[in-house]
N, C-alpha and C. Protein backbone atom coordinates (compact mmCIF):
# COMPACT_ATOMS: atom_id res chain seq x y z
N UNK A 1 125.06 128.12 110.67
CA UNK A 1 124.48 126.85 110.25
C UNK A 1 125.35 126.17 109.18
N UNK A 2 126.02 126.96 108.35
CA UNK A 2 126.86 126.38 107.31
C UNK A 2 128.01 125.56 107.90
N UNK A 3 128.57 126.03 109.02
CA UNK A 3 129.63 125.28 109.69
C UNK A 3 129.10 123.93 110.16
N UNK A 4 127.91 123.93 110.72
CA UNK A 4 127.30 122.70 111.21
C UNK A 4 127.02 121.75 110.04
N UNK A 5 126.55 122.29 108.92
CA UNK A 5 126.29 121.45 107.75
C UNK A 5 127.58 120.81 107.26
N UNK A 6 128.66 121.58 107.26
CA UNK A 6 129.96 121.05 106.82
C UNK A 6 130.43 119.94 107.76
N UNK A 7 130.22 120.11 109.05
CA UNK A 7 130.60 119.08 110.03
C UNK A 7 129.87 117.78 109.73
N UNK A 8 128.58 117.88 109.43
CA UNK A 8 127.77 116.69 109.14
C UNK A 8 128.26 116.00 107.87
N UNK A 9 128.45 116.77 106.80
CA UNK A 9 128.90 116.19 105.53
C UNK A 9 130.30 115.57 105.69
N UNK A 10 131.19 116.25 106.39
CA UNK A 10 132.53 115.72 106.62
C UNK A 10 132.48 114.41 107.42
N UNK A 11 131.59 114.35 108.40
CA UNK A 11 131.42 113.14 109.21
C UNK A 11 130.98 111.97 108.32
N UNK A 12 129.99 112.20 107.47
CA UNK A 12 129.49 111.14 106.59
C UNK A 12 130.59 110.69 105.63
N UNK A 13 131.29 111.65 105.05
CA UNK A 13 132.35 111.31 104.11
C UNK A 13 133.48 110.54 104.79
N UNK A 14 133.75 110.85 106.03
CA UNK A 14 134.83 110.15 106.74
C UNK A 14 134.47 108.69 107.02
N UNK A 15 133.19 108.37 107.04
CA UNK A 15 132.74 107.00 107.31
C UNK A 15 132.32 106.28 106.02
N UNK A 16 132.44 106.93 104.87
CA UNK A 16 131.91 106.43 103.60
C UNK A 16 132.45 105.06 103.20
N UNK A 17 133.65 104.73 103.62
CA UNK A 17 134.22 103.44 103.22
C UNK A 17 133.53 102.27 103.91
N UNK A 18 132.91 102.51 105.04
CA UNK A 18 132.28 101.41 105.78
C UNK A 18 130.76 101.51 105.86
N UNK A 19 130.21 102.69 105.62
CA UNK A 19 128.78 102.88 105.87
C UNK A 19 128.27 104.06 105.06
N UNK A 20 127.05 103.95 104.52
CA UNK A 20 126.50 105.05 103.72
C UNK A 20 125.24 105.66 104.31
N UNK A 21 124.62 104.98 105.28
CA UNK A 21 123.39 105.47 105.90
C UNK A 21 123.60 105.58 107.41
N UNK A 22 123.02 106.62 108.00
CA UNK A 22 123.23 106.89 109.42
C UNK A 22 121.91 107.22 110.10
N UNK A 23 121.80 106.79 111.36
CA UNK A 23 120.65 107.16 112.18
C UNK A 23 120.80 108.61 112.64
N UNK A 24 119.70 109.24 112.92
CA UNK A 24 119.73 110.61 113.43
C UNK A 24 120.61 110.70 114.67
N UNK A 25 120.50 109.72 115.55
CA UNK A 25 121.27 109.74 116.81
C UNK A 25 122.78 109.67 116.57
N UNK A 26 123.20 109.21 115.41
CA UNK A 26 124.64 109.19 115.09
C UNK A 26 125.21 110.61 115.01
N UNK A 27 124.36 111.58 114.72
CA UNK A 27 124.83 112.96 114.53
C UNK A 27 124.81 113.79 115.81
N UNK A 28 124.07 113.38 116.80
CA UNK A 28 123.94 114.17 118.03
C UNK A 28 125.26 114.39 118.76
N UNK A 29 126.15 113.38 118.84
CA UNK A 29 127.44 113.62 119.52
C UNK A 29 128.33 114.66 118.83
N UNK A 30 128.05 114.96 117.57
CA UNK A 30 128.83 115.98 116.86
C UNK A 30 128.54 117.38 117.40
N UNK A 31 127.37 117.53 118.04
CA UNK A 31 126.93 118.84 118.53
C UNK A 31 126.44 118.73 119.98
N UNK A 32 127.33 118.46 120.92
CA UNK A 32 126.88 118.25 122.31
C UNK A 32 126.24 119.50 122.93
N UNK A 33 126.54 120.67 122.39
CA UNK A 33 125.97 121.90 122.95
C UNK A 33 124.58 122.22 122.39
N UNK A 34 124.14 121.48 121.38
CA UNK A 34 122.84 121.75 120.75
C UNK A 34 121.79 120.75 121.24
N UNK A 35 120.55 121.20 121.22
CA UNK A 35 119.43 120.31 121.50
C UNK A 35 119.14 119.50 120.23
N UNK A 36 118.51 118.37 120.41
CA UNK A 36 118.22 117.48 119.28
C UNK A 36 117.39 118.20 118.21
N UNK A 37 116.48 119.04 118.63
CA UNK A 37 115.62 119.75 117.68
C UNK A 37 116.45 120.66 116.76
N UNK A 38 117.46 121.30 117.30
CA UNK A 38 118.32 122.17 116.49
C UNK A 38 119.09 121.36 115.45
N UNK A 39 119.58 120.19 115.85
CA UNK A 39 120.30 119.32 114.92
C UNK A 39 119.34 118.83 113.83
N UNK A 40 118.14 118.51 114.23
CA UNK A 40 117.12 118.04 113.27
C UNK A 40 116.86 119.11 112.21
N UNK A 41 116.82 120.37 112.60
CA UNK A 41 116.60 121.46 111.64
C UNK A 41 117.74 121.54 110.63
N UNK A 42 118.97 121.35 111.10
CA UNK A 42 120.13 121.36 110.20
C UNK A 42 120.03 120.19 109.22
N UNK A 43 119.69 119.03 109.73
CA UNK A 43 119.56 117.84 108.88
C UNK A 43 118.46 118.04 107.84
N UNK A 44 117.35 118.61 108.26
CA UNK A 44 116.23 118.85 107.34
C UNK A 44 116.62 119.82 106.25
N UNK A 45 117.40 120.82 106.58
CA UNK A 45 117.87 121.79 105.59
C UNK A 45 118.78 121.10 104.57
N UNK A 46 119.63 120.20 105.02
CA UNK A 46 120.50 119.47 104.11
C UNK A 46 119.70 118.57 103.17
N UNK A 47 118.60 118.00 103.68
CA UNK A 47 117.73 117.19 102.82
C UNK A 47 117.02 118.09 101.81
N UNK A 48 116.54 119.23 102.28
CA UNK A 48 115.83 120.16 101.42
C UNK A 48 116.71 120.66 100.26
N UNK A 49 117.99 120.89 100.54
CA UNK A 49 118.91 121.36 99.51
C UNK A 49 119.53 120.21 98.72
N UNK A 50 119.06 118.99 98.99
CA UNK A 50 119.46 117.77 98.28
C UNK A 50 120.93 117.40 98.44
N UNK A 51 121.51 117.79 99.57
CA UNK A 51 122.85 117.33 99.91
C UNK A 51 122.73 115.93 100.52
N UNK A 52 121.74 115.78 101.40
CA UNK A 52 121.43 114.49 102.02
C UNK A 52 120.09 114.00 101.51
N UNK A 53 119.82 112.72 101.75
CA UNK A 53 118.51 112.16 101.43
C UNK A 53 118.07 111.25 102.57
N UNK A 54 116.76 111.10 102.68
CA UNK A 54 116.20 110.16 103.65
C UNK A 54 116.23 108.77 103.02
N UNK A 55 116.38 107.77 103.86
CA UNK A 55 116.22 106.39 103.43
C UNK A 55 115.41 105.72 104.53
N UNK A 56 114.35 105.03 104.14
CA UNK A 56 113.49 104.40 105.13
C UNK A 56 113.42 102.91 104.91
N UNK A 57 113.52 102.17 105.99
CA UNK A 57 113.38 100.72 105.94
C UNK A 57 111.92 100.33 106.19
N UNK A 58 111.10 101.30 106.47
CA UNK A 58 109.72 101.05 106.83
C UNK A 58 109.49 101.29 108.31
N UNK A 59 110.49 100.94 109.11
CA UNK A 59 110.35 101.16 110.56
C UNK A 59 111.32 102.21 111.07
N UNK A 60 112.29 102.54 110.28
CA UNK A 60 113.31 103.50 110.71
C UNK A 60 113.72 104.38 109.55
N UNK A 61 114.06 105.61 109.84
CA UNK A 61 114.52 106.53 108.81
C UNK A 61 115.99 106.84 109.06
N UNK A 62 116.75 106.80 107.98
CA UNK A 62 118.18 107.06 108.07
C UNK A 62 118.53 108.18 107.10
N UNK A 63 119.73 108.70 107.24
CA UNK A 63 120.22 109.78 106.38
C UNK A 63 121.47 109.30 105.66
N UNK A 64 121.65 109.78 104.43
CA UNK A 64 122.86 109.49 103.68
C UNK A 64 123.09 110.58 102.65
N UNK A 65 124.29 110.63 102.11
CA UNK A 65 124.57 111.58 101.05
C UNK A 65 123.76 111.20 99.82
N UNK A 66 123.23 112.17 99.15
CA UNK A 66 122.39 111.92 97.98
C UNK A 66 123.21 111.15 96.94
N UNK A 67 122.65 110.03 96.47
CA UNK A 67 123.30 109.24 95.43
C UNK A 67 124.36 108.28 95.91
N UNK A 68 124.57 108.18 97.21
CA UNK A 68 125.60 107.29 97.75
C UNK A 68 125.01 105.97 98.23
N UNK A 69 125.78 104.93 98.19
CA UNK A 69 125.37 103.64 98.74
C UNK A 69 124.81 102.69 97.70
N UNK A 70 124.65 101.45 98.11
CA UNK A 70 124.17 100.40 97.21
C UNK A 70 122.74 100.63 96.78
N UNK A 71 121.90 101.11 97.69
CA UNK A 71 120.49 101.35 97.38
C UNK A 71 120.32 102.36 96.26
N UNK A 72 121.14 103.39 96.24
CA UNK A 72 121.03 104.42 95.21
C UNK A 72 121.28 103.84 93.83
N UNK A 73 122.25 102.95 93.70
CA UNK A 73 122.54 102.33 92.42
C UNK A 73 121.39 101.45 91.96
N UNK A 74 120.79 100.72 92.88
CA UNK A 74 119.67 99.83 92.54
C UNK A 74 118.43 100.60 92.13
N UNK A 75 118.21 101.75 92.71
CA UNK A 75 117.01 102.51 92.41
C UNK A 75 117.02 103.08 91.00
N UNK A 76 118.20 103.22 90.39
CA UNK A 76 118.28 103.79 89.06
C UNK A 76 118.38 102.74 87.96
N UNK A 77 118.22 101.47 88.32
CA UNK A 77 118.22 100.40 87.31
C UNK A 77 116.86 100.35 86.66
N UNK A 78 116.85 99.92 85.43
CA UNK A 78 115.55 99.79 84.74
C UNK A 78 115.29 98.37 84.32
C-alpha cells in the first residue's frame, strides 16, 4: 500500500504547477489493475494520515495535498 500511496502523492506533486485539487476518477488510471474500491481505500488512508485532504464544492468532493492550493491559504486568514 505504501508504494500506491507514493504513486498518488507523486502524481499530485507532478501536476502541482497547474492544479491542486483532483477528482477521484483522476487517480483510477494510475492503478488499472485495481478496482475502484481498492483505490478508494488507499485515498482514505492518505486522508486519515493527513497527507491528503478532502475539498468539497457542495456537489463534488475532490482530493488535494494538505495545505496546498488557493483555498488552503484563504481558510487560514482571520
